[in-house]
Amino acid sequence: MVEIQREYVAGACNISKEEEGLRLVAGWLGSGLTVAAALAFVALGVPAVWRLTLFLPAAMGASGFLQAGMHFCANYGMRGVFNVGADVGMTRTVGEAESAHAAEFAKKDRAKAFQILGLSALVGVVVAAIGYFLP
């Protein structure tokens, strides 16, 4: 199997396959914590208001899956960095990719990061609301 090297594309792709794998782990971890907490809250009869805390792991899970699926790290996008290489965590600044368009690229990256954060928060709110109304 031939591995295709990813390239940084402003607002579209700022992480490698290796980085994407870490986001998938976060997605599964957040989802697992959400399900486990929801089951525990219902089984233990935890008051509904405390079930709103399901927002946090649900948003975390959604964020992980969204970032993996979109090949884009929201944190990197907000910071103006990227990593499309095999070295996990080793970032380069957007200006290094194309200094003449660095401001434009950073703006596109922030917009994508806000999109991911907004969608993650929306999922968190929906899951927390469902948890609130569980018996």
N, C-alpha and C. Protein backbone atom coordinates (compact mmCIF):
# COMPACT_ATOMS: atom_id res chain seq x y z
N MET A 1 0.84 -1.18 0.00
CA MET A 1 0.00 0.00 0.00
C MET A 1 0.88 1.24 0.00
N VAL A 2 0.59 2.16 -0.86
CA VAL A 2 1.35 3.39 -0.99
C VAL A 2 0.73 4.45 -0.08
N GLU A 3 1.55 5.03 0.78
CA GLU A 3 1.09 6.09 1.68
C GLU A 3 1.24 7.42 0.96
N ILE A 4 0.15 8.14 0.87
CA ILE A 4 0.17 9.45 0.23
C ILE A 4 0.42 10.50 1.30
N GLN A 5 1.42 11.33 1.07
CA GLN A 5 1.75 12.41 2.01
C GLN A 5 0.71 13.51 1.86
N ARG A 6 0.16 13.93 2.97
CA ARG A 6 -0.79 15.02 2.95
C ARG A 6 -0.07 16.34 2.81
N GLU A 7 -0.79 17.31 2.30
CA GLU A 7 -0.27 18.66 2.20
C GLU A 7 -1.17 19.59 2.99
N TYR A 8 -0.57 20.62 3.55
CA TYR A 8 -1.35 21.64 4.25
C TYR A 8 -2.21 22.39 3.24
N VAL A 9 -3.49 22.50 3.53
CA VAL A 9 -4.41 23.29 2.72
C VAL A 9 -5.19 24.17 3.69
N ALA A 10 -5.01 25.46 3.60
CA ALA A 10 -5.64 26.41 4.53
C ALA A 10 -7.14 26.18 4.62
N GLY A 11 -7.63 26.04 5.85
CA GLY A 11 -9.05 25.87 6.09
C GLY A 11 -9.61 24.52 5.71
N ALA A 12 -8.74 23.60 5.30
CA ALA A 12 -9.23 22.29 4.86
C ALA A 12 -8.45 21.11 5.45
N CYS A 13 -7.14 21.21 5.55
CA CYS A 13 -6.34 20.10 6.04
C CYS A 13 -5.09 20.64 6.73
N ASN A 14 -4.97 20.34 8.02
CA ASN A 14 -3.76 20.79 8.72
C ASN A 14 -3.13 19.71 9.60
N ILE A 15 -3.59 18.44 9.43
CA ILE A 15 -2.99 17.35 10.21
C ILE A 15 -2.70 16.14 9.33
N SER A 16 -1.76 15.33 9.81
CA SER A 16 -1.36 14.11 9.12
C SER A 16 -2.27 12.95 9.53
N LYS A 17 -2.08 11.81 8.91
CA LYS A 17 -2.81 10.59 9.28
C LYS A 17 -2.52 10.24 10.73
N GLU A 18 -1.28 10.42 11.17
CA GLU A 18 -0.91 10.10 12.55
C GLU A 18 -1.65 11.01 13.53
N GLU A 19 -1.70 12.28 13.22
CA GLU A 19 -2.42 13.24 14.06
C GLU A 19 -3.91 12.93 14.05
N GLU A 20 -4.41 12.55 12.89
CA GLU A 20 -5.83 12.19 12.76
C GLU A 20 -6.17 11.02 13.67
N GLY A 21 -5.27 10.06 13.78
CA GLY A 21 -5.49 8.91 14.65
C GLY A 21 -5.67 9.32 16.10
N LEU A 22 -4.91 10.31 16.54
CA LEU A 22 -5.06 10.81 17.91
C LEU A 22 -6.43 11.45 18.11
N ARG A 23 -6.95 12.13 17.10
CA ARG A 23 -8.28 12.74 17.21
C ARG A 23 -9.35 11.67 17.28
N LEU A 24 -9.15 10.56 16.55
CA LEU A 24 -10.11 9.45 16.64
C LEU A 24 -10.13 8.84 18.05
N VAL A 25 -8.96 8.70 18.64
CA VAL A 25 -8.89 8.19 20.02
C VAL A 25 -9.68 9.10 20.95
N ALA A 26 -9.51 10.41 20.80
CA ALA A 26 -10.24 11.37 21.62
C ALA A 26 -11.75 11.25 21.38
N GLY A 27 -12.13 11.02 20.15
CA GLY A 27 -13.54 10.85 19.82
C GLY A 27 -14.14 9.63 20.51
N TRP A 28 -13.43 8.51 20.43
CA TRP A 28 -13.92 7.29 21.08
C TRP A 28 -13.90 7.43 22.60
N LEU A 29 -12.88 8.05 23.14
CA LEU A 29 -12.79 8.24 24.58
C LEU A 29 -13.95 9.12 25.08
N GLY A 30 -14.18 10.23 24.43
CA GLY A 30 -15.28 11.11 24.81
C GLY A 30 -16.63 10.43 24.69
N SER A 31 -16.82 9.67 23.63
CA SER A 31 -18.08 8.96 23.44
C SER A 31 -18.28 7.88 24.51
N GLY A 32 -17.21 7.16 24.80
CA GLY A 32 -17.30 6.13 25.84
C GLY A 32 -17.61 6.72 27.20
N LEU A 33 -16.95 7.83 27.52
CA LEU A 33 -17.22 8.50 28.79
C LEU A 33 -18.65 9.01 28.86
N THR A 34 -19.16 9.50 27.76
CA THR A 34 -20.53 10.00 27.71
C THR A 34 -21.52 8.88 28.00
N VAL A 35 -21.36 7.76 27.33
CA VAL A 35 -22.27 6.62 27.52
C VAL A 35 -22.16 6.08 28.94
N ALA A 36 -20.93 5.90 29.43
CA ALA A 36 -20.74 5.38 30.78
C ALA A 36 -21.34 6.31 31.83
N ALA A 37 -21.12 7.60 31.67
CA ALA A 37 -21.67 8.56 32.63
C ALA A 37 -23.19 8.59 32.57
N ALA A 38 -23.76 8.57 31.36
CA ALA A 38 -25.22 8.59 31.23
C ALA A 38 -25.83 7.36 31.89
N LEU A 39 -25.25 6.20 31.65
CA LEU A 39 -25.76 4.97 32.28
C LEU A 39 -25.65 5.04 33.80
N ALA A 40 -24.53 5.53 34.29
CA ALA A 40 -24.34 5.65 35.74
C ALA A 40 -25.32 6.66 36.33
N PHE A 41 -25.51 7.78 35.67
CA PHE A 41 -26.44 8.80 36.18
C PHE A 41 -27.85 8.24 36.31
N VAL A 42 -28.29 7.50 35.28
CA VAL A 42 -29.64 6.94 35.30
C VAL A 42 -29.73 5.83 36.36
N ALA A 43 -28.75 4.95 36.39
CA ALA A 43 -28.78 3.83 37.34
C ALA A 43 -28.74 4.31 38.79
N LEU A 44 -28.01 5.39 39.04
CA LEU A 44 -27.87 5.89 40.41
C LEU A 44 -28.93 6.94 40.77
N GLY A 45 -29.77 7.27 39.81
CA GLY A 45 -30.82 8.25 40.07
C GLY A 45 -30.29 9.65 40.32
N VAL A 46 -29.22 10.00 39.65
CA VAL A 46 -28.62 11.32 39.81
C VAL A 46 -29.61 12.39 39.33
N PRO A 47 -29.76 13.47 40.08
CA PRO A 47 -30.70 14.52 39.66
C PRO A 47 -30.41 15.02 38.24
N ALA A 48 -31.48 15.36 37.55
CA ALA A 48 -31.40 15.75 36.14
C ALA A 48 -30.41 16.88 35.89
N VAL A 49 -30.34 17.84 36.80
CA VAL A 49 -29.45 18.98 36.57
C VAL A 49 -27.98 18.53 36.46
N TRP A 50 -27.59 17.51 37.18
CA TRP A 50 -26.21 17.01 37.10
C TRP A 50 -25.94 16.30 35.79
N ARG A 51 -26.98 15.83 35.14
CA ARG A 51 -26.82 15.14 33.85
C ARG A 51 -26.40 16.12 32.75
N LEU A 52 -26.56 17.40 33.00
CA LEU A 52 -26.11 18.39 32.03
C LEU A 52 -24.59 18.35 31.85
N THR A 53 -23.90 17.77 32.81
CA THR A 53 -22.44 17.63 32.69
C THR A 53 -22.04 16.69 31.55
N LEU A 54 -23.02 15.97 30.99
CA LEU A 54 -22.73 15.13 29.83
C LEU A 54 -22.25 15.97 28.65
N PHE A 55 -22.49 17.28 28.73
CA PHE A 55 -22.02 18.19 27.68
C PHE A 55 -20.53 18.01 27.42
N LEU A 56 -19.74 17.95 28.50
CA LEU A 56 -18.28 17.94 28.34
C LEU A 56 -17.76 16.71 27.59
N PRO A 57 -18.03 15.49 28.03
CA PRO A 57 -17.49 14.35 27.27
C PRO A 57 -18.12 14.21 25.89
N ALA A 58 -19.39 14.61 25.75
CA ALA A 58 -20.04 14.53 24.44
C ALA A 58 -19.40 15.51 23.45
N ALA A 59 -19.13 16.72 23.91
CA ALA A 59 -18.47 17.70 23.04
C ALA A 59 -17.05 17.25 22.70
N MET A 60 -16.37 16.66 23.68
CA MET A 60 -15.02 16.15 23.44
C MET A 60 -15.04 15.05 22.37
N GLY A 61 -15.97 14.12 22.51
CA GLY A 61 -16.08 13.04 21.53
C GLY A 61 -16.39 13.57 20.15
N ALA A 62 -17.35 14.48 20.09
CA ALA A 62 -17.72 15.06 18.79
C ALA A 62 -16.54 15.80 18.17
N SER A 63 -15.82 16.54 19.00
CA SER A 63 -14.66 17.28 18.51
C SER A 63 -13.62 16.34 17.91
N GLY A 64 -13.35 15.26 18.61
CA GLY A 64 -12.37 14.30 18.11
C GLY A 64 -12.77 13.71 16.76
N PHE A 65 -14.02 13.28 16.67
CA PHE A 65 -14.49 12.70 15.41
C PHE A 65 -14.54 13.73 14.29
N LEU A 66 -14.99 14.94 14.59
CA LEU A 66 -15.05 15.99 13.57
C LEU A 66 -13.65 16.34 13.07
N GLN A 67 -12.70 16.48 13.99
CA GLN A 67 -11.35 16.83 13.58
C GLN A 67 -10.73 15.72 12.72
N ALA A 68 -10.95 14.47 13.12
CA ALA A 68 -10.42 13.35 12.32
C ALA A 68 -11.07 13.32 10.94
N GLY A 69 -12.38 13.47 10.91
CA GLY A 69 -13.11 13.41 9.64
C GLY A 69 -12.79 14.57 8.71
N MET A 70 -12.52 15.73 9.29
CA MET A 70 -12.22 16.91 8.48
C MET A 70 -10.72 17.09 8.24
N HIS A 71 -9.90 16.20 8.80
CA HIS A 71 -8.44 16.28 8.66
C HIS A 71 -7.92 17.63 9.14
N PHE A 72 -8.51 18.09 10.25
CA PHE A 72 -8.20 19.44 10.70
C PHE A 72 -8.23 19.53 12.21
N CYS A 73 -7.16 20.03 12.81
CA CYS A 73 -7.08 20.22 14.25
C CYS A 73 -7.53 21.64 14.59
N ALA A 74 -8.58 21.73 15.41
CA ALA A 74 -9.10 23.06 15.79
C ALA A 74 -8.06 23.84 16.58
N ASN A 75 -7.36 23.18 17.49
CA ASN A 75 -6.32 23.84 18.28
C ASN A 75 -5.24 24.42 17.37
N TYR A 76 -4.76 23.61 16.45
CA TYR A 76 -3.75 24.10 15.50
C TYR A 76 -4.29 25.26 14.69
N GLY A 77 -5.54 25.15 14.26
CA GLY A 77 -6.15 26.22 13.46
C GLY A 77 -6.23 27.53 14.20
N MET A 78 -6.54 27.46 15.49
CA MET A 78 -6.62 28.68 16.30
C MET A 78 -5.23 29.27 16.53
N ARG A 79 -4.21 28.42 16.61
CA ARG A 79 -2.85 28.88 16.89
C ARG A 79 -2.06 29.26 15.63
N GLY A 80 -2.61 28.97 14.44
CA GLY A 80 -1.91 29.31 13.21
C GLY A 80 -0.74 28.39 12.90
N VAL A 81 -0.89 27.10 13.28
CA VAL A 81 0.14 26.12 13.00
C VAL A 81 -0.48 24.91 12.31
N PHE A 82 0.36 24.02 11.82
CA PHE A 82 -0.12 22.79 11.18
C PHE A 82 0.95 21.71 11.31
N ASN A 83 0.54 20.45 11.08
CA ASN A 83 1.48 19.33 11.03
C ASN A 83 0.92 18.28 10.08
N VAL A 84 1.46 18.22 8.91
CA VAL A 84 1.06 17.21 7.94
C VAL A 84 2.16 16.17 7.77
N GLY A 85 3.15 16.21 8.64
CA GLY A 85 4.24 15.24 8.61
C GLY A 85 3.99 14.10 9.58
N ALA A 86 4.89 13.13 9.58
CA ALA A 86 4.74 11.94 10.42
C ALA A 86 5.06 12.19 11.89
N ASP A 87 5.75 13.28 12.20
CA ASP A 87 6.13 13.56 13.59
C ASP A 87 4.97 14.21 14.33
N VAL A 88 4.30 13.42 15.17
CA VAL A 88 3.15 13.90 15.92
C VAL A 88 3.57 15.03 16.85
N GLY A 89 2.81 16.12 16.83
CA GLY A 89 3.06 17.25 17.72
C GLY A 89 4.08 18.25 17.22
N MET A 90 4.80 17.94 16.18
CA MET A 90 5.80 18.86 15.62
C MET A 90 5.10 19.77 14.61
N THR A 91 4.91 21.00 14.98
CA THR A 91 4.15 21.91 14.13
C THR A 91 5.04 22.93 13.43
N ARG A 92 4.48 23.46 12.36
CA ARG A 92 5.09 24.57 11.64
C ARG A 92 4.06 25.67 11.59
N THR A 93 4.51 26.91 11.49
CA THR A 93 3.56 28.01 11.41
C THR A 93 3.01 28.13 10.00
N VAL A 94 1.81 28.69 9.92
CA VAL A 94 1.18 28.89 8.62
C VAL A 94 2.05 29.76 7.73
N GLY A 95 2.76 30.71 8.31
CA GLY A 95 3.65 31.58 7.55
C GLY A 95 4.76 30.82 6.85
N GLU A 96 5.17 29.68 7.43
CA GLU A 96 6.20 28.86 6.80
C GLU A 96 5.68 28.19 5.53
N ALA A 97 4.37 27.94 5.48
CA ALA A 97 3.80 27.29 4.30
C ALA A 97 3.78 28.23 3.11
N GLU A 98 3.42 29.47 3.36
CA GLU A 98 3.32 30.44 2.28
C GLU A 98 3.24 31.81 2.92
N SER A 99 4.39 32.42 3.12
CA SER A 99 4.44 33.68 3.87
C SER A 99 3.63 34.80 3.21
N ALA A 100 3.53 34.80 1.90
CA ALA A 100 2.80 35.86 1.21
C ALA A 100 1.30 35.80 1.51
N HIS A 101 0.80 34.62 1.89
CA HIS A 101 -0.63 34.45 2.15
C HIS A 101 -0.91 34.03 3.58
N ALA A 102 0.04 34.23 4.47
CA ALA A 102 -0.08 33.75 5.85
C ALA A 102 -1.32 34.29 6.55
N ALA A 103 -1.61 35.56 6.43
CA ALA A 103 -2.77 36.14 7.11
C ALA A 103 -4.07 35.54 6.57
N GLU A 104 -4.14 35.38 5.28
CA GLU A 104 -5.33 34.78 4.65
C GLU A 104 -5.49 33.33 5.09
N PHE A 105 -4.39 32.58 5.11
CA PHE A 105 -4.43 31.18 5.52
C PHE A 105 -4.84 31.05 6.98
N ALA A 106 -4.29 31.92 7.84
CA ALA A 106 -4.63 31.88 9.26
C ALA A 106 -6.11 32.18 9.47
N LYS A 107 -6.65 33.09 8.69
CA LYS A 107 -8.07 33.43 8.79
C LYS A 107 -8.94 32.23 8.40
N LYS A 108 -8.59 31.55 7.33
CA LYS A 108 -9.33 30.36 6.90
C LYS A 108 -9.24 29.26 7.96
N ASP A 109 -8.06 29.10 8.55
CA ASP A 109 -7.88 28.08 9.58
C ASP A 109 -8.71 28.39 10.82
N ARG A 110 -8.75 29.65 11.24
CA ARG A 110 -9.57 30.02 12.40
C ARG A 110 -11.05 29.79 12.12
N ALA A 111 -11.49 30.08 10.92
CA ALA A 111 -12.89 29.87 10.56
C ALA A 111 -13.24 28.38 10.65
N LYS A 112 -12.36 27.52 10.16
CA LYS A 112 -12.60 26.07 10.23
C LYS A 112 -12.58 25.61 11.68
N ALA A 113 -11.66 26.15 12.47
CA ALA A 113 -11.58 25.78 13.89
C ALA A 113 -12.86 26.17 14.61
N PHE A 114 -13.38 27.36 14.36
CA PHE A 114 -14.63 27.80 14.98
C PHE A 114 -15.80 26.92 14.53
N GLN A 115 -15.78 26.49 13.28
CA GLN A 115 -16.82 25.59 12.78
C GLN A 115 -16.80 24.28 13.58
N ILE A 116 -15.63 23.71 13.76
CA ILE A 116 -15.50 22.46 14.52
C ILE A 116 -15.93 22.66 15.96
N LEU A 117 -15.48 23.75 16.58
CA LEU A 117 -15.85 24.02 17.98
C LEU A 117 -17.35 24.24 18.12
N GLY A 118 -17.95 24.95 17.18
CA GLY A 118 -19.39 25.19 17.23
C GLY A 118 -20.20 23.91 17.07
N LEU A 119 -19.81 23.08 16.11
CA LEU A 119 -20.52 21.81 15.91
C LEU A 119 -20.34 20.89 17.11
N SER A 120 -19.15 20.89 17.70
CA SER A 120 -18.89 20.07 18.89
C SER A 120 -19.76 20.53 20.05
N ALA A 121 -19.86 21.83 20.24
CA ALA A 121 -20.69 22.39 21.30
C ALA A 121 -22.16 22.05 21.06
N LEU A 122 -22.59 22.11 19.82
CA LEU A 122 -23.98 21.77 19.49
C LEU A 122 -24.28 20.31 19.87
N VAL A 123 -23.39 19.41 19.51
CA VAL A 123 -23.56 18.01 19.88
C VAL A 123 -23.61 17.87 21.40
N GLY A 124 -22.72 18.57 22.09
CA GLY A 124 -22.70 18.53 23.55
C GLY A 124 -24.01 18.99 24.15
N VAL A 125 -24.56 20.07 23.62
CA VAL A 125 -25.84 20.61 24.11
C VAL A 125 -26.97 19.61 23.88
N VAL A 126 -27.02 19.02 22.69
CA VAL A 126 -28.08 18.06 22.38
C VAL A 126 -27.99 16.84 23.30
N VAL A 127 -26.78 16.31 23.47
CA VAL A 127 -26.61 15.14 24.33
C VAL A 127 -26.95 15.48 25.78
N ALA A 128 -26.53 16.64 26.25
CA ALA A 128 -26.84 17.05 27.63
C ALA A 128 -28.35 17.21 27.81
N ALA A 129 -29.02 17.76 26.82
CA ALA A 129 -30.48 17.91 26.90
C ALA A 129 -31.17 16.55 26.95
N ILE A 130 -30.71 15.63 26.12
CA ILE A 130 -31.26 14.27 26.15
C ILE A 130 -31.02 13.66 27.53
N GLY A 131 -29.82 13.80 28.05
CA GLY A 131 -29.51 13.28 29.37
C GLY A 131 -30.39 13.89 30.45
N TYR A 132 -30.66 15.18 30.32
CA TYR A 132 -31.49 15.88 31.30
C TYR A 132 -32.89 15.28 31.37
N PHE A 133 -33.42 14.89 30.20
CA PHE A 133 -34.79 14.39 30.16
C PHE A 133 -34.90 12.87 30.26
N LEU A 134 -33.77 12.18 30.44
CA LEU A 134 -33.84 10.73 30.66
C LEU A 134 -34.56 10.46 31.99
N PRO A 135 -35.26 9.33 32.07
CA PRO A 135 -35.97 9.00 33.32
C PRO A 135 -35.03 8.76 34.49
